[in-house]
Amino acid sequence: MQPTHPQLGPIAHAARHLVETALSPWGGAAACIDAYEAAVRSAAEAQVGVAQAVPLQPARSIVSLCADLTRDLGAVQISAARWILDV
């Protein structure tokens, strides 16, 4: 990813390098984002499982909505992190 302003290139590169260095003990930025993605997926799947187990329809719909929100918000965060860090 190239910044829209050429002056931001060195700043963006330095920020990516700083994040990659900080996350290197855990496998780097890509590995941390992948782990976060797996955690979001597991949380959403658990919420879907709870929704299927709840016998009352209004509660089932609310838990299902929470699962959808968890999945969608996680996807936005993961996409933004991959775009910003160019992973």
C-alpha atoms as a PDB file:
ATOM      1  CA  MET A   1       0.000   0.000   0.000  1.00  0.00           C
ATOM      2  CA  GLN A   2       1.352   3.369  -0.976  1.00  0.00           C
ATOM      3  CA  PRO A   3       0.211   6.438   0.959  1.00  0.00           C
ATOM      4  CA  THR A   4      -1.666   9.049  -1.047  1.00  0.00           C
ATOM      5  CA  HIS A   5       0.798  11.707   0.062  1.00  0.00           C
ATOM      6  CA  PRO A   6       4.453  10.955  -0.767  1.00  0.00           C
ATOM      7  CA  GLN A   7       5.568  12.640   2.473  1.00  0.00           C
ATOM      8  CA  LEU A   8       3.765   9.957   4.496  1.00  0.00           C
ATOM      9  CA  GLY A   9       5.710   7.081   2.943  1.00  0.00           C
ATOM     10  CA  PRO A  10       8.592   7.081   5.435  1.00  0.00           C
ATOM     11  CA  ILE A  11       6.197   7.535   8.364  1.00  0.00           C
ATOM     12  CA  ALA A  12       3.996   4.639   7.261  1.00  0.00           C
ATOM     13  CA  HIS A  13       7.036   2.425   6.724  1.00  0.00           C
ATOM     14  CA  ALA A  14       8.413   3.305  10.165  1.00  0.00           C
ATOM     15  CA  ALA A  15       5.053   2.636  11.828  1.00  0.00           C
ATOM     16  CA  ARG A  16       4.741  -0.766  10.124  1.00  0.00           C
ATOM     17  CA  HIS A  17       8.297  -1.640  11.149  1.00  0.00           C
ATOM     18  CA  LEU A  18       7.576  -0.611  14.743  1.00  0.00           C
ATOM     19  CA  VAL A  19       4.422  -2.753  14.897  1.00  0.00           C
ATOM     20  CA  GLU A  20       6.180  -5.713  13.282  1.00  0.00           C
ATOM     21  CA  THR A  21       9.053  -5.418  15.773  1.00  0.00           C
ATOM     22  CA  ALA A  22       6.675  -5.150  18.730  1.00  0.00           C
ATOM     23  CA  LEU A  23       4.713  -8.218  17.620  1.00  0.00           C
ATOM     24  CA  SER A  24       7.710 -10.311  16.564  1.00  0.00           C
ATOM     25  CA  PRO A  25       7.771 -12.373  19.809  1.00  0.00           C
ATOM     26  CA  TRP A  26       4.303 -13.656  18.868  1.00  0.00           C
ATOM     27  CA  GLY A  27       5.100 -14.400  15.235  1.00  0.00           C
ATOM     28  CA  GLY A  28       4.703 -10.936  13.749  1.00  0.00           C
ATOM     29  CA  ALA A  29       1.725  -8.850  12.732  1.00  0.00           C
ATOM     30  CA  ALA A  30       0.324 -11.406  10.281  1.00  0.00           C
ATOM     31  CA  ALA A  31       0.288 -14.178  12.890  1.00  0.00           C
ATOM     32  CA  CYS A  32      -1.374 -11.933  15.475  1.00  0.00           C
ATOM     33  CA  ILE A  33      -4.045 -10.848  12.996  1.00  0.00           C
ATOM     34  CA  ASP A  34      -4.646 -14.485  12.042  1.00  0.00           C
ATOM     35  CA  ALA A  35      -5.013 -15.422  15.726  1.00  0.00           C
ATOM     36  CA  TYR A  36      -7.451 -12.553  16.266  1.00  0.00           C
ATOM     37  CA  GLU A  37      -9.431 -13.672  13.222  1.00  0.00           C
ATOM     38  CA  ALA A  38      -9.653 -17.206  14.626  1.00  0.00           C
ATOM     39  CA  ALA A  39     -10.784 -15.850  17.996  1.00  0.00           C
ATOM     40  CA  VAL A  40     -13.518 -13.741  16.389  1.00  0.00           C
ATOM     41  CA  ARG A  41     -14.672 -16.723  14.339  1.00  0.00           C
ATOM     42  CA  SER A  42     -14.785 -18.934  17.448  1.00  0.00           C
ATOM     43  CA  ALA A  43     -16.716 -16.323  19.417  1.00  0.00           C
ATOM     44  CA  ALA A  44     -19.264 -15.881  16.630  1.00  0.00           C
ATOM     45  CA  GLU A  45     -19.676 -19.655  16.253  1.00  0.00           C
ATOM     46  CA  ALA A  46     -20.164 -20.012  20.021  1.00  0.00           C
ATOM     47  CA  GLN A  47     -22.838 -17.324  19.952  1.00  0.00           C
ATOM     48  CA  VAL A  48     -24.587 -19.102  17.076  1.00  0.00           C
ATOM     49  CA  GLY A  49     -24.487 -22.320  19.108  1.00  0.00           C
ATOM     50  CA  VAL A  50     -26.040 -20.546  22.081  1.00  0.00           C
ATOM     51  CA  ALA A  51     -28.696 -19.030  19.820  1.00  0.00           C
ATOM     52  CA  GLN A  52     -29.621 -22.470  18.518  1.00  0.00           C
ATOM     53  CA  ALA A  53     -29.880 -23.835  22.057  1.00  0.00           C
ATOM     54  CA  VAL A  54     -32.117 -21.058  23.413  1.00  0.00           C
ATOM     55  CA  PRO A  55     -35.766 -22.150  23.277  1.00  0.00           C
ATOM     56  CA  LEU A  56     -37.332 -18.674  23.300  1.00  0.00           C
ATOM     57  CA  GLN A  57     -37.553 -16.961  19.931  1.00  0.00           C
ATOM     58  CA  PRO A  58     -36.924 -13.340  21.037  1.00  0.00           C
ATOM     59  CA  ALA A  59     -33.810 -14.362  22.988  1.00  0.00           C
ATOM     60  CA  ARG A  60     -32.648 -16.540  20.087  1.00  0.00           C
ATOM     61  CA  SER A  61     -32.946 -13.603  17.700  1.00  0.00           C
ATOM     62  CA  ILE A  62     -31.009 -11.287  20.022  1.00  0.00           C
ATOM     63  CA  VAL A  63     -28.161 -13.777  20.497  1.00  0.00           C
ATOM     64  CA  SER A  64     -28.091 -14.422  16.753  1.00  0.00           C
ATOM     65  CA  LEU A  65     -27.908 -10.682  16.140  1.00  0.00           C
ATOM     66  CA  CYS A  66     -24.979 -10.459  18.572  1.00  0.00           C
ATOM     67  CA  ALA A  67     -23.223 -13.233  16.653  1.00  0.00           C
ATOM     68  CA  ASP A  68     -23.723 -11.335  13.402  1.00  0.00           C
ATOM     69  CA  LEU A  69     -22.409  -8.133  14.970  1.00  0.00           C
ATOM     70  CA  THR A  70     -19.378  -9.933  16.389  1.00  0.00           C
ATOM     71  CA  ARG A  71     -18.601 -11.419  12.984  1.00  0.00           C
ATOM     72  CA  ASP A  72     -19.096  -8.152  11.087  1.00  0.00           C
ATOM     73  CA  LEU A  73     -17.206  -5.914  13.514  1.00  0.00           C
ATOM     74  CA  GLY A  74     -14.360  -8.411  13.665  1.00  0.00           C
ATOM     75  CA  ALA A  75     -14.196  -8.504   9.871  1.00  0.00           C
ATOM     76  CA  VAL A  76     -13.973  -4.713   9.711  1.00  0.00           C
ATOM     77  CA  GLN A  77     -11.210  -4.623  12.330  1.00  0.00           C
ATOM     78  CA  ILE A  78      -9.253  -7.407  10.649  1.00  0.00           C
ATOM     79  CA  SER A  79      -9.587  -5.830   7.222  1.00  0.00           C
ATOM     80  CA  ALA A  80      -8.463  -2.445   8.549  1.00  0.00           C
ATOM     81  CA  ALA A  81      -5.483  -3.973  10.360  1.00  0.00           C
ATOM     82  CA  ARG A  82      -4.387  -5.884   7.252  1.00  0.00           C
ATOM     83  CA  TRP A  83      -4.746  -2.747   5.127  1.00  0.00           C
ATOM     84  CA  ILE A  84      -2.928  -0.442   7.547  1.00  0.00           C
ATOM     85  CA  LEU A  85      -0.111  -2.906   8.235  1.00  0.00           C
ATOM     86  CA  ASP A  86       0.019  -4.070   4.600  1.00  0.00           C
ATOM     87  CA  VAL A  87      -0.190  -7.709   5.685  1.00  0.00           C
END
